Protein backbone atom coordinates (compact mmCIF):
# COMPACT_ATOMS: atom_id res chain seq x y z
CA MET A 1 14.91 -10.01 30.14
CA PHE A 2 13.90 -11.39 33.56
CA ASP A 3 15.29 -14.44 35.21
CA GLN A 4 13.08 -17.46 35.88
CA ASP A 5 12.66 -16.81 39.56
CA ASP A 6 11.54 -13.23 38.82
CA LEU A 7 9.08 -14.46 36.25
CA GLN A 8 7.57 -17.06 38.56
CA THR A 9 7.21 -14.46 41.25
CA ILE A 10 5.34 -12.20 38.81
CA ARG A 11 3.13 -15.08 37.71
CA ASP A 12 2.29 -15.87 41.32
CA GLU A 13 1.60 -12.29 42.17
CA LYS A 14 -0.58 -11.81 39.07
CA ALA A 15 -2.62 -14.91 40.05
CA THR A 16 -3.12 -13.38 43.48
CA TRP A 17 -4.10 -10.02 41.92
CA ASP A 18 -6.55 -11.81 39.66
CA GLU A 19 -8.16 -13.66 42.54
CA GLU A 20 -8.25 -10.93 45.16
CA SER A 21 -8.54 -7.69 43.16
CA LEU A 22 -9.78 -8.31 39.62
CA SER A 23 -12.26 -11.16 40.04
CA PRO A 24 -14.40 -9.57 42.87
CA VAL A 25 -14.80 -6.39 40.82
CA VAL A 26 -15.73 -8.32 37.62
CA GLU A 27 -18.17 -10.44 39.56
CA ARG A 28 -19.85 -7.42 41.02
CA PHE A 29 -19.82 -4.97 38.13
CA GLY A 30 -19.01 -7.14 35.08
CA GLU A 31 -17.11 -6.01 31.98
CA ARG A 32 -18.24 -4.21 28.85
CA LYS A 33 -18.33 -7.48 26.88
CA GLU A 34 -17.69 -11.16 27.32
CA THR A 35 -14.47 -11.25 25.31
CA PHE A 36 -12.02 -8.61 24.14
CA ASP A 37 -10.34 -9.20 20.81
CA THR A 38 -8.11 -7.25 18.48
CA ASP A 39 -9.89 -5.39 15.70
CA THR A 40 -10.02 -8.42 13.37
CA GLY A 41 -10.70 -10.90 16.11
CA GLY A 42 -7.45 -12.80 15.67
CA GLN A 43 -6.02 -12.41 19.14
CA GLU A 44 -7.83 -12.33 22.45
CA VAL A 45 -6.82 -9.39 24.60
CA ASP A 46 -6.05 -10.16 28.27
CA PRO A 47 -7.00 -7.64 30.98
CA LEU A 48 -3.33 -7.13 31.98
CA TYR A 49 0.07 -7.88 30.55
CA THR A 50 3.25 -8.49 32.57
CA PRO A 51 6.85 -9.52 31.85
CA ALA A 52 5.60 -13.13 32.04
CA ASP A 53 3.83 -12.63 28.77
CA VAL A 54 7.08 -11.91 26.97
CA ALA A 55 9.15 -14.40 28.96
CA GLY A 56 10.91 -15.73 25.78
CA LEU A 57 11.83 -12.31 24.47
CA ASP A 58 15.50 -11.94 23.59
CA TYR A 59 16.29 -8.25 23.25
CA GLU A 60 19.16 -8.50 20.76
CA GLU A 61 17.56 -11.25 18.60
CA ASP A 62 13.93 -10.13 18.73
CA LEU A 63 14.18 -6.34 19.10
CA GLY A 64 17.66 -4.94 18.65
CA PHE A 65 18.22 -1.29 17.89
CA PRO A 66 16.73 0.91 15.21
CA GLY A 67 18.51 0.65 11.90
CA GLU A 68 19.91 -2.77 12.80
CA GLU A 69 18.62 -6.32 12.30
CA PRO A 70 15.97 -7.52 12.90
CA TYR A 71 14.59 -3.93 12.27
CA THR A 72 11.69 -4.49 14.70
CA ARG A 73 12.24 -1.05 16.07
CA GLY A 74 12.64 0.70 12.73
CA VAL A 75 14.77 0.64 9.57
CA TYR A 76 16.69 3.92 10.35
CA PRO A 77 18.71 4.70 13.47
CA THR A 78 17.13 8.20 13.93
CA MET A 79 13.71 7.55 12.35
CA TYR A 80 11.67 10.76 12.64
CA ARG A 81 14.25 12.59 14.78
CA GLY A 82 16.35 12.84 11.56
CA ARG A 83 13.58 13.29 9.06
CA LEU A 84 9.79 13.15 9.26
CA TRP A 85 7.90 10.58 7.21
CA THR A 86 7.01 11.67 3.69
CA MET A 87 3.50 13.17 3.66
CA ARG A 88 2.27 11.67 0.45
CA GLN A 89 -1.38 12.61 -0.10
CA TYR A 90 -3.06 10.51 -2.80
CA ALA A 91 -4.43 12.75 -5.55
CA GLY A 92 -5.68 12.57 -9.14
CA MET A 93 -8.85 13.83 -10.62
CA GLY A 94 -10.46 14.29 -13.97
CA THR A 95 -8.02 15.72 -16.47
CA ALA A 96 -4.28 16.10 -16.34
CA SER A 97 -4.52 19.89 -15.96
CA GLU A 98 -6.88 19.52 -12.87
CA THR A 99 -4.48 17.07 -11.36
CA ASN A 100 -1.54 19.46 -11.95
CA GLU A 101 -3.53 22.17 -10.13
CA ARG A 102 -4.18 19.82 -7.14
CA PHE A 103 -0.54 18.75 -7.02
CA ASN A 104 0.63 22.39 -6.92
CA TYR A 105 -1.95 23.17 -4.23
CA LEU A 106 -0.74 20.32 -2.06
CA ILE A 107 2.92 21.32 -2.51
CA ASP A 108 2.01 24.86 -1.52
CA GLU A 109 0.27 23.50 1.58
CA GLY A 110 3.37 21.65 2.71
CA GLN A 111 3.09 18.16 1.23
CA THR A 112 6.44 16.51 0.79
CA GLY A 113 5.69 13.82 -1.73
CA LEU A 114 3.19 13.34 -4.63
CA SER A 115 0.96 10.32 -4.98
CA THR A 116 -0.95 9.79 -8.24
CA ALA A 117 -4.39 8.19 -8.51
CA PHE A 118 -5.41 7.04 -11.98
CA ASP A 119 -8.89 6.49 -13.36
CA LEU A 120 -10.25 3.03 -13.99
CA PRO A 121 -9.64 2.98 -17.78
CA THR A 122 -5.99 3.87 -17.28
CA GLN A 123 -5.65 1.17 -14.57
CA MET A 124 -7.06 -1.37 -17.07
CA GLY A 125 -4.91 -0.23 -19.99
CA HIS A 126 -7.69 1.39 -22.00
CA ASP A 127 -7.76 4.85 -23.65
CA SER A 128 -10.43 7.36 -22.79
CA ASP A 129 -12.22 6.85 -26.17
CA ASP A 130 -12.34 3.04 -25.79
CA PRO A 131 -15.99 1.91 -25.49
CA MET A 132 -15.01 0.15 -22.21
CA SER A 133 -14.12 3.55 -20.76
CA ALA A 134 -17.52 5.22 -21.21
CA GLY A 135 -18.68 6.95 -18.08
CA GLU A 136 -15.45 6.17 -16.16
CA VAL A 137 -13.01 8.68 -17.52
CA GLY A 138 -11.47 10.74 -14.73
CA LYS A 139 -13.85 9.29 -12.05
CA THR A 140 -11.39 7.52 -9.64
CA GLY A 141 -8.28 9.52 -10.64
CA VAL A 142 -6.57 11.21 -13.56
CA ALA A 143 -7.01 9.93 -17.12
CA ILE A 144 -3.53 9.36 -18.68
CA ASP A 145 -3.85 8.47 -22.33
CA SER A 146 -0.34 9.47 -23.45
CA LEU A 147 2.97 11.14 -22.62
CA ASP A 148 1.16 14.45 -23.41
CA ASP A 149 -1.10 13.95 -20.38
CA MET A 150 1.89 13.00 -18.11
CA GLU A 151 3.71 16.14 -19.25
CA THR A 152 0.68 18.23 -18.29
CA VAL A 153 0.35 16.53 -14.83
CA PHE A 154 3.94 17.45 -14.00
CA ASP A 155 4.14 20.77 -15.77
CA GLY A 156 6.19 23.19 -13.65
CA ILE A 157 7.10 20.38 -11.14
CA PRO A 158 10.82 19.55 -11.39
CA LEU A 159 11.11 15.79 -11.07
CA ASP A 160 14.54 15.97 -9.49
CA GLU A 161 12.96 17.80 -6.51
CA VAL A 162 9.94 15.61 -5.77
CA SER A 163 9.22 11.98 -4.97
CA THR A 164 6.28 10.54 -6.83
CA SER A 165 4.21 7.48 -6.06
CA MET A 166 2.03 6.02 -8.77
CA THR A 167 -0.81 3.67 -7.84
CA ILE A 168 -0.77 1.61 -11.01
CA ASN A 169 -0.39 -2.09 -11.50
CA ALA A 170 -1.01 -3.96 -14.77
CA PRO A 171 0.10 -0.93 -16.96
CA ALA A 172 2.80 0.12 -14.39
CA SER A 173 5.55 -0.34 -17.05
CA VAL A 174 3.78 2.15 -19.31
CA LEU A 175 3.23 4.81 -16.65
CA LEU A 176 6.75 4.42 -15.36
CA ALA A 177 8.01 4.83 -18.95
CA MET A 178 6.02 8.03 -19.24
CA TYR A 179 7.47 9.35 -15.98
CA ILE A 180 11.00 8.56 -17.20
CA ALA A 181 10.25 10.28 -20.47
CA VAL A 182 9.03 13.39 -18.67
CA GLY A 183 12.30 13.37 -16.66
CA ASP A 184 14.31 12.96 -19.85
CA LYS A 185 12.49 15.96 -21.38
CA GLN A 186 13.17 18.09 -18.26
CA GLY A 187 16.85 17.14 -18.43
CA VAL A 188 16.77 15.20 -15.12
CA ASP A 189 19.34 12.43 -14.87
CA ARG A 190 17.50 9.14 -14.46
CA SER A 191 19.47 8.36 -11.32
CA GLU A 192 17.81 11.40 -9.68
CA LEU A 193 14.21 10.22 -10.26
CA ARG A 194 12.64 9.16 -7.01
CA GLY A 195 9.30 7.52 -6.27
CA THR A 196 7.43 4.29 -6.33
CA ILE A 197 5.20 2.35 -8.71
CA GLN A 198 2.74 -0.04 -7.09
CA ASN A 199 3.29 -2.68 -9.82
CA ASP A 200 1.85 -5.41 -7.54
CA VAL A 201 -0.22 -7.62 -9.93
CA LEU A 202 -0.60 -10.65 -7.64
CA LYS A 203 -2.75 -8.64 -5.22
CA GLU A 204 -4.91 -7.60 -8.14
CA TYR A 205 -5.84 -11.23 -8.65
CA ILE A 206 -6.58 -11.44 -4.94
CA ALA A 207 -8.42 -8.25 -4.11
CA ARG A 208 -8.95 -5.58 -6.79
CA ASN A 209 -9.17 -7.29 -10.18
CA THR A 210 -7.63 -4.51 -12.22
CA TYR A 211 -5.40 -6.96 -14.08
CA ILE A 212 -4.73 -7.30 -17.78
CA TYR A 213 -2.36 -10.20 -18.59
CA PRO A 214 -2.19 -13.74 -17.16
CA PRO A 215 0.16 -14.23 -14.14
CA GLY A 216 3.15 -15.56 -16.21
CA PRO A 217 3.57 -12.52 -18.51
CA SER A 218 2.67 -10.19 -15.68
CA MET A 219 5.57 -11.59 -13.61
CA ARG A 220 7.88 -11.25 -16.58
CA ILE A 221 7.04 -7.55 -16.96
CA ILE A 222 7.60 -7.00 -13.27
CA THR A 223 11.07 -8.61 -13.35
CA ASP A 224 11.96 -6.67 -16.46
CA ILE A 225 11.10 -3.49 -14.47
CA PHE A 226 13.29 -4.70 -11.62
CA GLU A 227 16.27 -5.27 -13.93
CA PHE A 228 15.89 -2.06 -15.91
CA CYS A 229 15.50 0.16 -12.88
CA ALA A 230 18.41 -1.38 -10.97
CA GLU A 231 20.60 -0.18 -13.86
CA GLU A 232 18.85 2.96 -15.11
CA VAL A 233 16.68 4.32 -12.32
CA PRO A 234 18.35 3.12 -9.09
CA SER A 235 16.57 5.55 -6.71
CA PHE A 236 13.02 4.48 -7.83
CA ASN A 237 11.16 1.81 -5.90
CA THR A 238 10.16 -0.68 -8.54
CA ILE A 239 7.24 -2.27 -6.59
CA SER A 240 5.01 -1.51 -3.64
CA ILE A 241 3.91 -4.92 -2.41
CA SER A 242 0.50 -4.08 -1.18
CA GLY A 243 -1.29 -5.39 1.83
CA TYR A 244 -3.52 -2.44 1.81
CA HIS A 245 -6.05 -3.83 -0.70
CA ILE A 246 -5.90 -7.28 0.94
CA ARG A 247 -6.89 -5.70 4.27
CA GLU A 248 -9.58 -3.56 2.58
CA ALA A 249 -11.04 -6.71 0.99
CA GLY A 250 -11.61 -7.98 4.59
CA SER A 251 -8.51 -9.80 5.79
CA THR A 252 -7.27 -9.96 9.39
CA ALA A 253 -4.09 -8.14 10.36
CA ALA A 254 -2.18 -11.46 10.43
CA GLN A 255 -3.50 -12.33 6.91
CA GLU A 256 -2.51 -8.92 5.70
CA ILE A 257 1.11 -9.51 6.81
CA ALA A 258 1.20 -13.11 5.54
CA PHE A 259 -0.31 -12.63 2.14
CA THR A 260 1.70 -9.41 1.53
CA LEU A 261 5.00 -11.03 2.43
CA GLY A 262 3.90 -14.11 0.58
CA ASN A 263 3.53 -12.00 -2.56
CA GLY A 264 6.91 -10.51 -1.81
CA ILE A 265 8.43 -13.94 -1.64
CA GLU A 266 6.94 -14.77 -5.04
CA TYR A 267 8.37 -11.59 -6.65
CA VAL A 268 11.86 -12.11 -5.16
CA GLN A 269 11.92 -15.72 -6.29
CA ALA A 270 10.79 -14.75 -9.77
CA ALA A 271 13.54 -12.16 -10.02
CA ILE A 272 16.17 -14.60 -8.84
CA ASP A 273 14.90 -17.19 -11.31
CA ALA A 274 15.31 -14.49 -14.03
CA GLY A 275 18.93 -14.20 -13.10
CA LEU A 276 18.91 -11.07 -11.00
CA ASP A 277 21.07 -10.58 -7.91
CA VAL A 278 18.94 -10.30 -4.79
CA ASP A 279 21.29 -7.88 -3.11
CA ASN A 280 21.10 -5.61 -6.18
CA PHE A 281 17.26 -5.45 -6.79
CA ALA A 282 15.78 -6.12 -3.32
CA PRO A 283 16.75 -2.70 -1.86
CA GLN A 284 14.32 -1.21 -4.38
CA LEU A 285 11.31 -3.27 -3.06
CA SER A 286 8.85 -1.42 -0.94
CA PHE A 287 5.58 -2.29 0.81
CA PHE A 288 2.20 -0.71 1.34
CA PHE A 289 -0.01 -1.40 4.34
CA ALA A 290 -3.34 -0.21 5.67
CA SER A 291 -3.73 1.37 9.04
CA TYR A 292 -6.97 0.56 10.87
CA ASN A 293 -8.71 1.75 14.02
CA ASN A 294 -7.15 -0.53 16.61
CA VAL A 295 -4.04 1.55 17.23
CA LEU A 296 -2.10 -1.00 19.19
CA GLU A 297 -2.78 -3.96 16.88
CA GLU A 298 -1.60 -1.90 13.96
CA VAL A 299 1.60 -0.87 15.72
CA ALA A 300 2.31 -4.50 16.45
CA LYS A 301 1.51 -5.49 12.89
CA PHE A 302 4.07 -3.12 11.39
CA ARG A 303 6.73 -4.20 13.90
CA ALA A 304 6.09 -7.93 13.17
CA ALA A 305 6.19 -7.43 9.44
CA ARG A 306 9.60 -5.72 9.60
CA ARG A 307 11.06 -8.51 11.71
CA MET A 308 9.61 -11.22 9.50
CA TRP A 309 10.86 -9.70 6.22
CA ALA A 310 14.38 -9.46 7.60
CA GLN A 311 14.26 -13.16 8.56
CA ILE A 312 12.76 -14.21 5.22
CA MET A 313 15.40 -12.31 3.20
CA ASP A 314 18.19 -13.64 5.32
CA GLU A 315 17.13 -17.32 5.75
CA ARG A 316 15.21 -17.94 2.59
CA PHE A 317 17.08 -15.95 0.01
CA GLY A 318 20.54 -15.46 1.55
CA ALA A 319 20.56 -11.72 1.23
CA GLU A 320 23.69 -10.08 2.54
CA ASN A 321 23.09 -6.45 1.74
CA PRO A 322 21.38 -4.94 4.90
CA LYS A 323 19.18 -2.73 2.62
CA ALA A 324 17.85 -5.93 0.96
CA LYS A 325 16.51 -7.03 4.38
CA GLN A 326 14.76 -3.78 5.33
CA LEU A 327 10.99 -3.61 4.98
CA LYS A 328 10.25 0.01 4.08
CA PHE A 329 6.60 0.83 3.70
CA HIS A 330 3.97 3.37 2.86
CA THR A 331 0.78 3.52 4.89
CA GLN A 332 -2.70 4.70 3.89
CA THR A 333 -5.50 5.12 6.45
CA ALA A 334 -8.29 2.71 6.00
CA GLY A 335 -10.76 3.79 3.39
CA SER A 336 -13.21 1.00 4.17
CA THR A 337 -13.63 2.31 7.73
CA LEU A 338 -14.94 5.67 6.48
CA THR A 339 -18.68 6.10 6.73
CA ALA A 340 -21.12 8.17 4.61
CA GLN A 341 -23.01 8.81 7.91
CA GLN A 342 -21.70 11.67 10.04
CA VAL A 343 -18.69 12.22 7.86
CA ASP A 344 -16.89 14.45 10.39
CA ASN A 345 -16.35 11.30 12.47
CA ASN A 346 -14.03 10.17 9.73
CA ILE A 347 -11.52 12.92 10.69
CA VAL A 348 -11.18 11.25 14.15
CA ARG A 349 -10.84 7.80 12.63
CA VAL A 350 -8.14 8.97 10.23
CA ALA A 351 -6.21 10.75 13.03
CA TYR A 352 -5.99 7.56 15.12
CA GLN A 353 -5.07 5.49 12.08
CA ALA A 354 -2.32 7.99 11.26
CA LEU A 355 -1.01 7.87 14.79
CA ALA A 356 -0.78 4.06 14.58
CA ALA A 357 1.20 4.24 11.34
CA VAL A 358 3.64 6.77 12.90
CA LEU A 359 4.03 4.80 16.13
CA GLY A 360 4.65 1.75 13.94
CA GLY A 361 7.41 3.41 11.95
CA THR A 362 6.03 4.14 8.49
CA GLN A 363 8.19 5.78 5.87
CA SER A 364 5.41 7.68 4.16
CA LEU A 365 1.71 8.23 4.90
CA HIS A 366 -1.50 9.14 3.15
CA THR A 367 -4.40 10.34 5.32
CA ASN A 368 -7.84 9.95 3.69
CA GLY A 369 -10.27 12.81 3.28
CA LYS A 370 -13.35 12.71 5.43
CA ASP A 371 -15.66 12.59 2.41
CA GLU A 372 -14.13 9.65 0.53
CA ALA A 373 -17.01 7.39 1.37
CA LEU A 374 -19.05 9.71 -0.94
CA SER A 375 -16.64 10.89 -3.68
CA ILE A 376 -13.12 11.94 -4.45
CA PRO A 377 -12.13 14.44 -1.72
CA THR A 378 -12.77 18.16 -1.99
CA GLU A 379 -9.92 20.64 -1.66
CA GLU A 380 -11.11 21.48 1.88
CA SER A 381 -11.12 17.80 3.06
CA VAL A 382 -7.71 17.21 1.46
CA ARG A 383 -6.29 20.14 3.36
CA THR A 384 -7.77 18.82 6.64
CA ALA A 385 -6.29 15.34 5.93
CA LEU A 386 -2.91 16.91 5.32
CA ARG A 387 -3.11 19.08 8.44
CA THR A 388 -3.86 15.89 10.40
CA GLN A 389 -0.35 14.67 9.49
CA GLN A 390 1.25 18.04 10.15
CA ILE A 391 -0.33 18.27 13.61
CA LEU A 392 0.82 14.73 14.35
CA ALA A 393 4.33 15.58 13.25
CA GLN A 394 4.68 18.97 14.87
CA GLU A 395 2.49 18.92 17.96
CA SER A 396 1.90 15.42 19.26
CA GLY A 397 5.37 14.33 20.34
CA ALA A 398 4.85 10.97 18.67
CA ALA A 399 7.84 11.62 16.35
CA ASP A 400 10.28 12.64 19.08
CA THR A 401 11.62 9.21 20.12
CA VAL A 402 12.12 6.01 18.16
CA ASP A 403 9.68 3.13 18.62
CA PRO A 404 7.97 4.76 21.64
CA LEU A 405 5.85 1.72 22.41
CA GLY A 406 8.73 -0.75 22.22
CA GLY A 407 9.00 -2.71 25.47
CA SER A 408 5.34 -2.53 26.26
CA TYR A 409 4.37 -5.98 27.52
CA TYR A 410 1.23 -5.88 25.49
CA ILE A 411 2.81 -4.56 22.31
CA GLU A 412 5.61 -7.08 22.44
CA SER A 413 3.24 -9.95 23.24
CA LEU A 414 0.92 -8.92 20.35
CA THR A 415 3.88 -8.51 17.96
CA ASP A 416 4.90 -12.09 18.74
CA GLU A 417 1.35 -13.38 18.27
CA LEU A 418 0.89 -11.70 14.96
CA GLU A 419 4.30 -12.91 13.78
CA GLU A 420 3.52 -16.52 14.80
CA GLU A 421 0.12 -16.50 13.11
CA ALA A 422 1.44 -14.87 9.92
CA PHE A 423 4.30 -17.40 9.67
CA GLU A 424 1.82 -20.20 10.09
CA ILE A 425 -0.21 -18.84 7.15
CA ILE A 426 2.93 -18.51 5.03
CA ARG A 427 3.84 -22.11 5.81
CA GLU A 428 0.40 -23.24 4.57
CA VAL A 429 0.83 -21.12 1.42
CA ASP A 430 4.17 -22.92 0.84
CA ASP A 431 2.51 -26.25 1.28
CA ARG A 432 -0.01 -25.26 -1.39
CA GLY A 433 2.73 -24.46 -3.90
CA GLY A 434 3.36 -20.78 -3.14
CA MET A 435 1.26 -17.63 -3.48
CA ARG A 436 0.75 -17.80 -7.22
CA LYS A 437 -0.68 -21.32 -6.97
CA ALA A 438 -2.74 -20.46 -3.89
CA ILE A 439 -4.19 -17.45 -5.74
CA GLU A 440 -4.90 -19.38 -8.92
CA ASP A 441 -6.70 -21.97 -6.75
CA ARG A 442 -8.53 -19.13 -5.11
CA TRP A 443 -7.62 -20.40 -1.63
CA VAL A 444 -6.29 -16.92 -0.61
CA GLN A 445 -9.44 -15.21 -1.84
CA ARG A 446 -11.67 -17.68 0.12
CA GLN A 447 -9.76 -17.04 3.37
CA ILE A 448 -10.29 -13.27 2.99
CA GLN A 449 -13.94 -13.64 1.98
CA ASP A 450 -14.69 -15.77 5.08
CA VAL A 451 -13.31 -13.08 7.38
CA ALA A 452 -15.16 -10.26 5.51
CA PHE A 453 -18.46 -12.16 5.82
CA GLU A 454 -17.97 -12.64 9.58
CA ARG A 455 -17.08 -8.91 10.06
CA GLN A 456 -20.22 -7.91 8.20
CA ARG A 457 -22.35 -10.22 10.31
CA GLU A 458 -20.88 -8.73 13.47
CA GLN A 459 -21.79 -5.22 12.33
CA GLU A 460 -25.30 -6.21 11.35
CA GLU A 461 -25.90 -7.88 14.69
CA GLU A 462 -24.23 -4.95 16.59
CA GLU A 463 -21.50 -7.11 18.01
CA ARG A 464 -19.08 -4.69 16.38
CA ILE A 465 -20.04 -1.01 16.93
CA ILE A 466 -19.53 1.48 14.12
CA VAL A 467 -20.20 4.88 15.52
CA GLY A 468 -22.86 6.73 13.62
CA VAL A 469 -23.88 3.63 11.62
CA ASN A 470 -25.16 0.98 13.93
CA LYS A 471 -25.04 3.07 17.11
CA TYR A 472 -25.23 6.81 18.02
CA GLN A 473 -27.13 7.60 14.77
CA VAL A 474 -28.67 10.94 14.06
CA ASP A 475 -31.91 11.54 12.15
CA GLU A 476 -31.07 14.62 10.15
CA GLU A 477 -29.26 14.37 6.79
CA GLU A 478 -25.96 16.16 6.56
CA GLU A 479 -25.16 18.48 3.70
CA VAL A 480 -21.78 17.56 2.34
CA ASP A 481 -19.95 19.23 -0.57
CA ILE A 482 -19.07 16.58 -3.13
CA GLU A 483 -16.35 16.75 -5.78
CA GLU A 484 -17.76 15.57 -9.08
CA VAL A 485 -16.28 14.86 -12.50
CA SER A 486 -18.57 16.18 -15.24
CA PRO A 487 -19.31 14.51 -18.58
CA GLU A 488 -17.83 17.66 -20.15
CA GLU A 489 -14.40 16.68 -18.79
CA GLU A 490 -14.68 13.20 -20.46
CA ARG A 491 -15.56 14.96 -23.72
CA ARG A 492 -12.54 17.26 -23.48
CA GLN A 493 -10.24 14.35 -22.73
CA LYS A 494 -11.47 12.55 -25.85
CA GLU A 495 -10.94 15.67 -27.97
CA ASN A 496 -7.41 16.04 -26.69
CA LEU A 497 -6.78 12.43 -27.60
CA ASP A 498 -8.08 12.98 -31.12
CA ALA A 499 -5.84 15.97 -31.54
CA LEU A 500 -2.79 14.05 -30.35
CA ARG A 501 -3.41 11.26 -32.89
CA ALA A 502 -3.81 13.85 -35.66
CA GLU A 503 -0.51 15.57 -34.88
CA ARG A 504 1.89 12.63 -34.08
CA ASP A 505 4.01 10.63 -36.52
CA ASP A 506 1.85 7.59 -37.09
CA ALA A 507 4.63 5.75 -38.99
CA GLU A 508 6.91 6.09 -35.95
CA VAL A 509 4.16 4.93 -33.60
CA THR A 510 3.55 1.78 -35.76
CA HIS A 511 7.26 1.05 -35.92
CA ARG A 512 7.67 1.37 -32.09
CA LEU A 513 4.58 -0.81 -31.37
CA ASP A 514 5.76 -3.51 -33.84
CA ALA A 515 9.16 -3.50 -32.09
CA LEU A 516 7.44 -3.95 -28.74
CA ARG A 517 5.33 -6.88 -30.01
CA GLU A 518 8.49 -8.58 -31.35
CA ALA A 519 10.31 -8.05 -28.04
CA ALA A 520 7.31 -9.44 -26.12
CA ARG A 521 7.49 -12.64 -28.28
CA GLY A 522 11.14 -13.04 -27.31
CA ASP A 523 12.97 -12.64 -23.96
CA GLU A 524 14.45 -9.13 -24.23
CA ASN A 525 13.77 -6.59 -21.49
CA LEU A 526 10.60 -4.80 -22.51
CA MET A 527 11.18 -1.44 -20.77
CA PRO A 528 13.39 0.18 -23.46
CA TYR A 529 10.71 -0.72 -26.10
CA ILE A 530 7.90 0.64 -23.95
CA ILE A 531 9.82 3.90 -23.42
CA GLY A 532 10.41 4.16 -27.18
CA ALA A 533 6.67 3.81 -27.84
CA VAL A 534 5.83 6.30 -25.16
CA LYS A 535 8.20 8.94 -26.60
CA ALA A 536 6.58 8.42 -30.01
CA TYR A 537 3.28 9.34 -28.29
CA ALA A 538 1.73 5.92 -28.59
CA THR A 539 -1.23 5.80 -26.19
CA THR A 540 -1.65 3.77 -22.99
CA GLY A 541 -4.27 1.63 -24.71
CA GLU A 542 -2.19 1.05 -27.87
CA ILE A 543 0.87 -0.01 -25.89
CA CYS A 544 -1.12 -2.34 -23.65
CA ASP A 545 -3.01 -3.76 -26.61
CA ALA A 546 0.26 -4.52 -28.35
CA MET A 547 1.21 -6.67 -25.33
CA ARG A 548 -2.33 -8.05 -25.12
CA GLU A 549 -1.91 -9.44 -28.62
CA VAL A 550 1.16 -11.45 -27.53
CA PHE A 551 0.31 -12.29 -23.89
CA GLY A 552 -3.45 -12.53 -23.96
CA GLU A 553 -5.76 -11.47 -21.10
CA HIS A 554 -6.21 -13.12 -17.78
CA GLN A 555 -9.46 -15.02 -17.39
CA PRO A 556 -10.40 -15.69 -13.67
CA GLY A 557 -10.62 -19.36 -12.78
CA MET A 558 -8.67 -20.42 -15.83
C-alpha cells in the first residue's frame, strides 16, 4: 500500500518520535503498566501503529471487498446496510409452555430470531423421569422429552416465519427431527425451515462434556445430518462449529480460532470421506464465537477467522462454490466475564462485547442478561439485553458502513498476528494427527487449561483487573431478583411424560425404535428413522438409548 521509500521514511520518523517525544514523557511520568497485551495475553500491544506495521499488506489478496474473497471485510456486500444482524436471544426455561411464553414475549419485543436453550437431561439424551435427571429438569433450559413438548414450545409460532437456533449437540439429530416434525404438522415445506443446530460434538469432548457416543459414531450421525439436510432441509444450517465454549473454557483468542477451524476441518473431511460433495454441504456450515471485553482484539479475531476459512476451504478442500468458503457466524457475549458482584456492571460489559461482534461482522448475536452469573435471566434483564442490541443497531452508527475499522494500522496488524498464530496451532494439530486425535490425546484440553490457570493467577494477584471483583468493590450486598425453577415444575413435567406414554401407540414406538437400531448397525442414513420414531412420540431418552445400545457411550481417556 506504500512504496518502500515511504515506509522507510515512516520508520525513521517513528524512531525520531519515539526518542524525542515518547521516551521523555514515559521516563518522567511512566505508563500504567510495564507491558500492554491483548485480553488473553497473546500479542503485545505497541504504543503506536503506522503503515510500517502492515508493510506486507496486499489489499486485494488480504482484504478485498465485502462479499468477495477472502471475505476479511464481510461475507455480504452490503452487510448491515442491507439487513441488520439477527437478534437471536438465547431462551429456554422450565417447561415447554413457559418457554413458549418467553419466545412470544421476545418476538413481541422485537427479537428477529429464536434461540433455544435445553436443560441438562435433554442435552445428555435423558428423559425427565430418568434417575440421572433428578434435580436438573428445566434448570439450564427447557425440558424436551418428546415431540409433544416441541409442539408446545412452538405453539402459535409459524416455523416458515422464524429462524430458530437450537443449542444441542449429542442429541442434535433428535431435536432437529422434532423441529422438522413440527414443521410437517404445521404444513410448512421443509425447504422453508430456517435455523441452526449446534451439533458440534468435538468441542464437547474439549470443553463442555455433554457428549453421549464415542467420536466415531458421533461423526457418523453428524455427516448423516449433513447429507439429509442438503437434500431435505436446504435452508437449515446443519452445524454451528463452536469456538464459544472453547473460549469460555479459558483459551486465548488465537486458540479459539485455531481449535474451532480445526474442528471444522475435521467435519468437512469426515463428510468428504462419507462421499458428500463439499460444494453441496459446506454452505450449510456455520460457526459460533464468543465476544470478550477487548473490543479491538475481538474485531481482529473475527476478521482473521473469515480470511483463514476461505483459504482453508480453497486450498485444502478445493471448494469452488463461493458460499462454501464463507465463514458465517453467530456470536454470544462472554458469559464467563459476567460477575455476581455489582451485576449492573455486566450491562456495560455486554454492550462493549456486542459492539465488538458487530464491528467484526457477525451474522447473528445473543446478548447476555446481567444476572446470568446468578441464574437464568429474568424477563427484565432479557429485555435490557435485547434493548442493548436494538440501541446498537438503531442509534450507534456502527451498522452504517461495512467493516468500519478496516484499514486501521492496529486492526490490520493484529488481524495478521492472530492469523499467523492460529495457523501455527493448526499446523501443530495436523502434525499430531488432526483434531480428533489431538482431542483424544487430551493435548487440546491441556493447552486451554494452561491458559485458564494463568488467567486465574493473574486475577488473584491483581495483575488483571476485574471491576467490582478484585478492585472497586463495594461492601453492601445487592438485592437481585432471581429466576428460579421450582420442584413443582419438575413434577409436572414428569406427569406430562407419564400421560404421553399412556396415550401413545406403544407397538408403533417399539417398531420405530427397532428400525432405528437396525439402521444404526448398518450404514443407512439415520435421520429418516429418527424422524419416524419422533413422530410416533418416542421420547428423547428412548431414541438416544436405542443408539446407545448400538454405539455405546464415550468414556474419557479411553
